[in-house]
């Protein structure tokens, strides 16, 4: 299985790129947000790859981070979500935005994606809230708590969640509380304030 491609961007289309690796061109399907961050044609590019093998084809899906690929996999665990819908969701929501939407049960945000109706949006926010608690938080918390990209620096959000978990709350409960509080306090909120307000949220 191909897990990573490092080469030169040969060309790009509406939902795909071709990465030239040593003279071999690999066609890779990507979310819109990933395509928007692609370098200019002829420039170096590295993509994290998810390989799907079928009887009649081998399809490659590319992402700029492990977190993106993890969400791509998780989304397909939801009934009614295949590769097309998963890419569509990741085309309008960054991983941290999707995590926030699930933590806050905001199906309207998820429903903005093409091909995602109200029922599918509801299933996504409901089912992934329990199946992927380690990814339910803003920023890179999900990656850190799931062991993905663990070299990334910790943030006040992840520290606050960790503190609440140490106090006996589940990861899911702590993630939802901190995500909600973070929305109210805005960027720059300190860990201590997130913990204090998070406890109030959990006490309701």
C-alpha atoms as a PDB file:
ATOM      1  CA  UNK A   1       0.000   0.000   0.000  1.00  0.00           C
ATOM      2  CA  UNK A   2       1.134   3.543  -0.724  1.00  0.00           C
ATOM      3  CA  UNK A   3       1.151   5.657   2.429  1.00  0.00           C
ATOM      4  CA  UNK A   4       3.097   8.713   1.276  1.00  0.00           C
ATOM      5  CA  UNK A   5       4.187  10.360  -1.960  1.00  0.00           C
ATOM      6  CA  UNK A   6       7.034  12.834  -2.239  1.00  0.00           C
ATOM      7  CA  UNK A   7       7.713  14.301  -5.639  1.00  0.00           C
ATOM      8  CA  UNK A   8       6.917  17.204  -7.944  1.00  0.00           C
ATOM      9  CA  UNK A   9       3.475  18.589  -8.755  1.00  0.00           C
ATOM     10  CA  UNK A  10       2.952  17.762 -12.416  1.00  0.00           C
ATOM     11  CA  UNK A  11      -0.607  19.012 -12.917  1.00  0.00           C
ATOM     12  CA  UNK A  12      -3.901  19.563 -11.106  1.00  0.00           C
ATOM     13  CA  UNK A  13      -7.615  19.401 -11.823  1.00  0.00           C
ATOM     14  CA  UNK A  14     -10.898  20.053 -10.035  1.00  0.00           C
ATOM     15  CA  UNK A  15     -10.431  17.318  -7.446  1.00  0.00           C
ATOM     16  CA  UNK A  16      -7.103  15.714  -8.300  1.00  0.00           C
ATOM     17  CA  UNK A  17      -3.397  16.247  -8.762  1.00  0.00           C
ATOM     18  CA  UNK A  18      -0.705  14.268 -10.503  1.00  0.00           C
ATOM     19  CA  UNK A  19       2.476  13.882  -8.500  1.00  0.00           C
ATOM     20  CA  UNK A  20       5.600  12.992 -10.477  1.00  0.00           C
ATOM     21  CA  UNK A  21       7.756  10.629  -8.433  1.00  0.00           C
ATOM     22  CA  UNK A  22      10.894   9.658 -10.287  1.00  0.00           C
ATOM     23  CA  UNK A  23       9.201   9.921 -13.661  1.00  0.00           C
ATOM     24  CA  UNK A  24       6.048   8.065 -12.633  1.00  0.00           C
ATOM     25  CA  UNK A  25       2.871  10.157 -12.404  1.00  0.00           C
ATOM     26  CA  UNK A  26       0.450   9.261  -9.607  1.00  0.00           C
ATOM     27  CA  UNK A  27      -3.103  10.567  -9.853  1.00  0.00           C
ATOM     28  CA  UNK A  28      -4.280  11.546  -6.370  1.00  0.00           C
ATOM     29  CA  UNK A  29      -7.760  12.737  -5.371  1.00  0.00           C
ATOM     30  CA  UNK A  30      -7.759  15.480  -2.724  1.00  0.00           C
ATOM     31  CA  UNK A  31     -10.208  17.626  -0.742  1.00  0.00           C
ATOM     32  CA  UNK A  32     -10.705  21.179  -1.976  1.00  0.00           C
ATOM     33  CA  UNK A  33      -8.876  22.691   0.982  1.00  0.00           C
ATOM     34  CA  UNK A  34      -5.870  20.470   0.278  1.00  0.00           C
ATOM     35  CA  UNK A  35      -5.857  21.431  -3.389  1.00  0.00           C
ATOM     36  CA  UNK A  36      -5.959  25.112  -2.433  1.00  0.00           C
ATOM     37  CA  UNK A  37      -2.694  24.687  -0.532  1.00  0.00           C
ATOM     38  CA  UNK A  38      -0.850  22.944  -3.359  1.00  0.00           C
ATOM     39  CA  UNK A  39       2.404  24.521  -4.570  1.00  0.00           C
ATOM     40  CA  UNK A  40       2.868  25.793  -8.100  1.00  0.00           C
ATOM     41  CA  UNK A  41       3.284  23.346 -10.940  1.00  0.00           C
ATOM     42  CA  UNK A  42       6.799  21.936 -10.996  1.00  0.00           C
ATOM     43  CA  UNK A  43       7.355  22.544  -7.284  1.00  0.00           C
ATOM     44  CA  UNK A  44       8.062  19.833  -4.655  1.00  0.00           C
ATOM     45  CA  UNK A  45       5.042  18.359  -2.884  1.00  0.00           C
ATOM     46  CA  UNK A  46       4.505  15.725  -0.218  1.00  0.00           C
ATOM     47  CA  UNK A  47       1.151  14.046   0.349  1.00  0.00           C
ATOM     48  CA  UNK A  48      -0.060  11.605   2.993  1.00  0.00           C
ATOM     49  CA  UNK A  49      -1.840   8.875   1.031  1.00  0.00           C
ATOM     50  CA  UNK A  50      -4.840   6.641   1.644  1.00  0.00           C
ATOM     51  CA  UNK A  51      -4.912   3.767  -0.862  1.00  0.00           C
ATOM     52  CA  UNK A  52      -8.169   2.087  -1.867  1.00  0.00           C
ATOM     53  CA  UNK A  53      -7.850  -1.140  -3.852  1.00  0.00           C
ATOM     54  CA  UNK A  54     -10.774  -2.557  -5.777  1.00  0.00           C
ATOM     55  CA  UNK A  55     -11.092  -5.286  -8.372  1.00  0.00           C
ATOM     56  CA  UNK A  56     -11.220  -2.795 -11.206  1.00  0.00           C
ATOM     57  CA  UNK A  57      -9.123   0.093  -9.900  1.00  0.00           C
ATOM     58  CA  UNK A  58      -6.637   1.452  -7.405  1.00  0.00           C
ATOM     59  CA  UNK A  59      -7.474   4.947  -6.137  1.00  0.00           C
ATOM     60  CA  UNK A  60      -5.187   7.239  -4.191  1.00  0.00           C
ATOM     61  CA  UNK A  61      -6.457   9.964  -1.865  1.00  0.00           C
ATOM     62  CA  UNK A  62      -4.014  12.637  -0.723  1.00  0.00           C
ATOM     63  CA  UNK A  63      -3.793  14.892   2.317  1.00  0.00           C
ATOM     64  CA  UNK A  64      -1.321  17.353   3.786  1.00  0.00           C
ATOM     65  CA  UNK A  65      -1.506  15.944   7.320  1.00  0.00           C
ATOM     66  CA  UNK A  66      -2.135  12.711   9.188  1.00  0.00           C
ATOM     67  CA  UNK A  67      -5.082  14.398  10.902  1.00  0.00           C
ATOM     68  CA  UNK A  68      -6.816  14.989   7.555  1.00  0.00           C
ATOM     69  CA  UNK A  69      -6.349  11.362   6.564  1.00  0.00           C
ATOM     70  CA  UNK A  70      -7.632  10.183   9.958  1.00  0.00           C
ATOM     71  CA  UNK A  71     -10.819  12.201   9.538  1.00  0.00           C
ATOM     72  CA  UNK A  72     -11.200  10.850   5.989  1.00  0.00           C
ATOM     73  CA  UNK A  73     -11.120   7.321   7.407  1.00  0.00           C
ATOM     74  CA  UNK A  74     -13.416   8.114  10.329  1.00  0.00           C
ATOM     75  CA  UNK A  75     -16.027   9.801   8.187  1.00  0.00           C
ATOM     76  CA  UNK A  76     -16.413   6.643   6.122  1.00  0.00           C
ATOM     77  CA  UNK A  77     -17.419   4.708   9.238  1.00  0.00           C
ATOM     78  CA  UNK A  78     -20.706   6.627   9.143  1.00  0.00           C
ATOM     79  CA  UNK A  79     -23.573   5.089   7.221  1.00  0.00           C
ATOM     80  CA  UNK A  80     -24.128   6.903   3.939  1.00  0.00           C
ATOM     81  CA  UNK A  81     -20.623   8.380   3.812  1.00  0.00           C
ATOM     82  CA  UNK A  82     -18.265   7.151   1.124  1.00  0.00           C
ATOM     83  CA  UNK A  83     -15.079   8.613  -0.289  1.00  0.00           C
ATOM     84  CA  UNK A  84     -16.918  11.307  -2.273  1.00  0.00           C
ATOM     85  CA  UNK A  85     -18.854  12.626   0.713  1.00  0.00           C
ATOM     86  CA  UNK A  86     -15.808  12.388   3.000  1.00  0.00           C
ATOM     87  CA  UNK A  87     -13.794  14.484   0.542  1.00  0.00           C
ATOM     88  CA  UNK A  88     -16.680  16.935   0.270  1.00  0.00           C
ATOM     89  CA  UNK A  89     -16.792  17.443   4.040  1.00  0.00           C
ATOM     90  CA  UNK A  90     -13.034  17.950   4.223  1.00  0.00           C
ATOM     91  CA  UNK A  91     -13.282  20.392   1.323  1.00  0.00           C
ATOM     92  CA  UNK A  92     -15.258  22.881   3.438  1.00  0.00           C
ATOM     93  CA  UNK A  93     -13.998  22.119   6.948  1.00  0.00           C
ATOM     94  CA  UNK A  94     -10.456  21.956   8.269  1.00  0.00           C
ATOM     95  CA  UNK A  95      -9.856  19.075  10.718  1.00  0.00           C
ATOM     96  CA  UNK A  96     -10.161  21.391  13.734  1.00  0.00           C
ATOM     97  CA  UNK A  97     -13.358  22.927  12.336  1.00  0.00           C
ATOM     98  CA  UNK A  98     -14.879  19.490  11.823  1.00  0.00           C
ATOM     99  CA  UNK A  99     -13.815  18.492  15.334  1.00  0.00           C
ATOM    100  CA  UNK A 100     -15.495  21.614  16.737  1.00  0.00           C
ATOM    101  CA  UNK A 101     -18.684  20.935  14.762  1.00  0.00           C
ATOM    102  CA  UNK A 102     -18.878  17.401  16.140  1.00  0.00           C
ATOM    103  CA  UNK A 103     -18.012  18.463  19.683  1.00  0.00           C
ATOM    104  CA  UNK A 104     -20.766  21.094  19.561  1.00  0.00           C
ATOM    105  CA  UNK A 105     -23.153  18.799  17.634  1.00  0.00           C
ATOM    106  CA  UNK A 106     -23.413  21.455  14.925  1.00  0.00           C
ATOM    107  CA  UNK A 107     -24.942  19.495  12.054  1.00  0.00           C
ATOM    108  CA  UNK A 108     -25.547  22.711  10.099  1.00  0.00           C
ATOM    109  CA  UNK A 109     -21.800  23.206   9.668  1.00  0.00           C
ATOM    110  CA  UNK A 110     -21.326  19.670   8.362  1.00  0.00           C
ATOM    111  CA  UNK A 111     -24.422  19.991   6.213  1.00  0.00           C
ATOM    112  CA  UNK A 112     -22.790  22.759   4.189  1.00  0.00           C
ATOM    113  CA  UNK A 113     -20.788  20.110   2.332  1.00  0.00           C
ATOM    114  CA  UNK A 114     -22.006  19.126  -1.114  1.00  0.00           C
ATOM    115  CA  UNK A 115     -23.899  15.838  -1.053  1.00  0.00           C
ATOM    116  CA  UNK A 116     -24.498  15.926   2.705  1.00  0.00           C
ATOM    117  CA  UNK A 117     -28.174  16.055   3.588  1.00  0.00           C
ATOM    118  CA  UNK A 118     -29.643  16.727   7.058  1.00  0.00           C
ATOM    119  CA  UNK A 119     -29.839  13.025   7.960  1.00  0.00           C
ATOM    120  CA  UNK A 120     -26.246  12.291   6.993  1.00  0.00           C
ATOM    121  CA  UNK A 121     -25.032  15.432   8.769  1.00  0.00           C
ATOM    122  CA  UNK A 122     -26.873  14.332  11.918  1.00  0.00           C
ATOM    123  CA  UNK A 123     -25.326  10.864  11.722  1.00  0.00           C
ATOM    124  CA  UNK A 124     -21.844  12.316  11.306  1.00  0.00           C
ATOM    125  CA  UNK A 125     -22.000  14.552  14.384  1.00  0.00           C
ATOM    126  CA  UNK A 126     -23.762  11.899  16.476  1.00  0.00           C
ATOM    127  CA  UNK A 127     -21.779   8.782  15.584  1.00  0.00           C
ATOM    128  CA  UNK A 128     -18.316  10.328  15.487  1.00  0.00           C
ATOM    129  CA  UNK A 129     -18.819  12.025  18.835  1.00  0.00           C
ATOM    130  CA  UNK A 130     -18.629   8.614  20.499  1.00  0.00           C
ATOM    131  CA  UNK A 131     -16.425   6.731  18.059  1.00  0.00           C
ATOM    132  CA  UNK A 132     -13.612   9.289  17.925  1.00  0.00           C
ATOM    133  CA  UNK A 133     -13.479  11.145  21.250  1.00  0.00           C
ATOM    134  CA  UNK A 134      -9.741  11.678  20.884  1.00  0.00           C
ATOM    135  CA  UNK A 135     -10.339  13.901  17.873  1.00  0.00           C
ATOM    136  CA  UNK A 136     -13.174  15.993  19.286  1.00  0.00           C
ATOM    137  CA  UNK A 137     -11.479  19.301  20.013  1.00  0.00           C
ATOM    138  CA  UNK A 138     -10.168  22.414  18.357  1.00  0.00           C
ATOM    139  CA  UNK A 139      -6.764  22.958  16.822  1.00  0.00           C
ATOM    140  CA  UNK A 140      -4.396  19.983  16.922  1.00  0.00           C
ATOM    141  CA  UNK A 141      -5.876  18.417  20.053  1.00  0.00           C
ATOM    142  CA  UNK A 142      -7.308  15.546  18.099  1.00  0.00           C
ATOM    143  CA  UNK A 143      -3.976  14.728  16.523  1.00  0.00           C
ATOM    144  CA  UNK A 144      -2.191  14.920  19.853  1.00  0.00           C
ATOM    145  CA  UNK A 145      -4.702  12.822  21.790  1.00  0.00           C
ATOM    146  CA  UNK A 146      -4.929  10.193  19.065  1.00  0.00           C
ATOM    147  CA  UNK A 147      -1.157   9.931  18.915  1.00  0.00           C
ATOM    148  CA  UNK A 148      -1.009  11.532  15.494  1.00  0.00           C
ATOM    149  CA  UNK A 149       1.688  14.100  14.950  1.00  0.00           C
ATOM    150  CA  UNK A 150       2.669  13.848  18.604  1.00  0.00           C
ATOM    151  CA  UNK A 151       5.676  16.067  17.989  1.00  0.00           C
ATOM    152  CA  UNK A 152       3.369  19.083  17.655  1.00  0.00           C
ATOM    153  CA  UNK A 153       3.509  21.507  20.595  1.00  0.00           C
ATOM    154  CA  UNK A 154       0.711  21.223  23.141  1.00  0.00           C
ATOM    155  CA  UNK A 155      -1.850  23.998  23.299  1.00  0.00           C
ATOM    156  CA  UNK A 156      -3.937  25.482  26.146  1.00  0.00           C
ATOM    157  CA  UNK A 157      -6.902  23.569  24.726  1.00  0.00           C
ATOM    158  CA  UNK A 158      -5.203  20.182  24.871  1.00  0.00           C
ATOM    159  CA  UNK A 159      -3.781  20.948  28.324  1.00  0.00           C
ATOM    160  CA  UNK A 160      -7.242  21.899  29.578  1.00  0.00           C
ATOM    161  CA  UNK A 161      -8.748  18.677  28.238  1.00  0.00           C
ATOM    162  CA  UNK A 162      -5.943  16.663  29.801  1.00  0.00           C
ATOM    163  CA  UNK A 163      -6.538  18.366  33.158  1.00  0.00           C
ATOM    164  CA  UNK A 164     -10.281  17.640  33.078  1.00  0.00           C
ATOM    165  CA  UNK A 165      -9.617  14.006  32.154  1.00  0.00           C
ATOM    166  CA  UNK A 166      -7.245  13.763  35.121  1.00  0.00           C
ATOM    167  CA  UNK A 167     -10.098  15.026  37.298  1.00  0.00           C
ATOM    168  CA  UNK A 168     -12.181  12.031  36.284  1.00  0.00           C
ATOM    169  CA  UNK A 169     -14.146  13.206  33.259  1.00  0.00           C
ATOM    170  CA  UNK A 170     -14.139  11.179  30.040  1.00  0.00           C
ATOM    171  CA  UNK A 171     -12.187  12.431  27.040  1.00  0.00           C
ATOM    172  CA  UNK A 172     -15.460  12.993  25.185  1.00  0.00           C
ATOM    173  CA  UNK A 173     -16.996  15.019  28.039  1.00  0.00           C
ATOM    174  CA  UNK A 174     -13.849  17.082  28.512  1.00  0.00           C
ATOM    175  CA  UNK A 175     -13.472  17.703  24.776  1.00  0.00           C
ATOM    176  CA  UNK A 176     -17.046  18.898  24.352  1.00  0.00           C
ATOM    177  CA  UNK A 177     -16.815  21.186  27.397  1.00  0.00           C
ATOM    178  CA  UNK A 178     -13.507  22.769  26.371  1.00  0.00           C
ATOM    179  CA  UNK A 179     -14.629  23.194  22.752  1.00  0.00           C
ATOM    180  CA  UNK A 180     -17.788  24.967  23.930  1.00  0.00           C
ATOM    181  CA  UNK A 181     -15.878  27.214  26.332  1.00  0.00           C
ATOM    182  CA  UNK A 182     -13.251  27.973  23.701  1.00  0.00           C
ATOM    183  CA  UNK A 183     -15.946  29.218  21.334  1.00  0.00           C
ATOM    184  CA  UNK A 184     -17.114  31.686  24.000  1.00  0.00           C
ATOM    185  CA  UNK A 185     -13.702  32.853  25.212  1.00  0.00           C
ATOM    186  CA  UNK A 186     -12.107  33.125  21.771  1.00  0.00           C
ATOM    187  CA  UNK A 187      -8.476  32.721  20.783  1.00  0.00           C
ATOM    188  CA  UNK A 188      -5.821  33.389  23.373  1.00  0.00           C
ATOM    189  CA  UNK A 189      -7.739  31.914  26.303  1.00  0.00           C
ATOM    190  CA  UNK A 190      -5.391  30.640  28.997  1.00  0.00           C
ATOM    191  CA  UNK A 191      -5.359  27.041  30.185  1.00  0.00           C
ATOM    192  CA  UNK A 192      -6.476  27.998  33.699  1.00  0.00           C
ATOM    193  CA  UNK A 193      -9.516  29.880  32.402  1.00  0.00           C
ATOM    194  CA  UNK A 194     -10.450  27.039  30.049  1.00  0.00           C
ATOM    195  CA  UNK A 195     -10.287  24.587  32.936  1.00  0.00           C
ATOM    196  CA  UNK A 196     -12.309  26.826  35.267  1.00  0.00           C
ATOM    197  CA  UNK A 197     -15.018  27.527  32.714  1.00  0.00           C
ATOM    198  CA  UNK A 198     -14.918  23.931  31.519  1.00  0.00           C
ATOM    199  CA  UNK A 199     -15.720  22.727  35.049  1.00  0.00           C
ATOM    200  CA  UNK A 200     -18.683  25.105  35.185  1.00  0.00           C
ATOM    201  CA  UNK A 201     -19.875  23.744  31.838  1.00  0.00           C
ATOM    202  CA  UNK A 202     -19.604  20.161  33.080  1.00  0.00           C
ATOM    203  CA  UNK A 203     -21.426  21.003  36.314  1.00  0.00           C
ATOM    204  CA  UNK A 204     -24.572  22.094  34.470  1.00  0.00           C
END
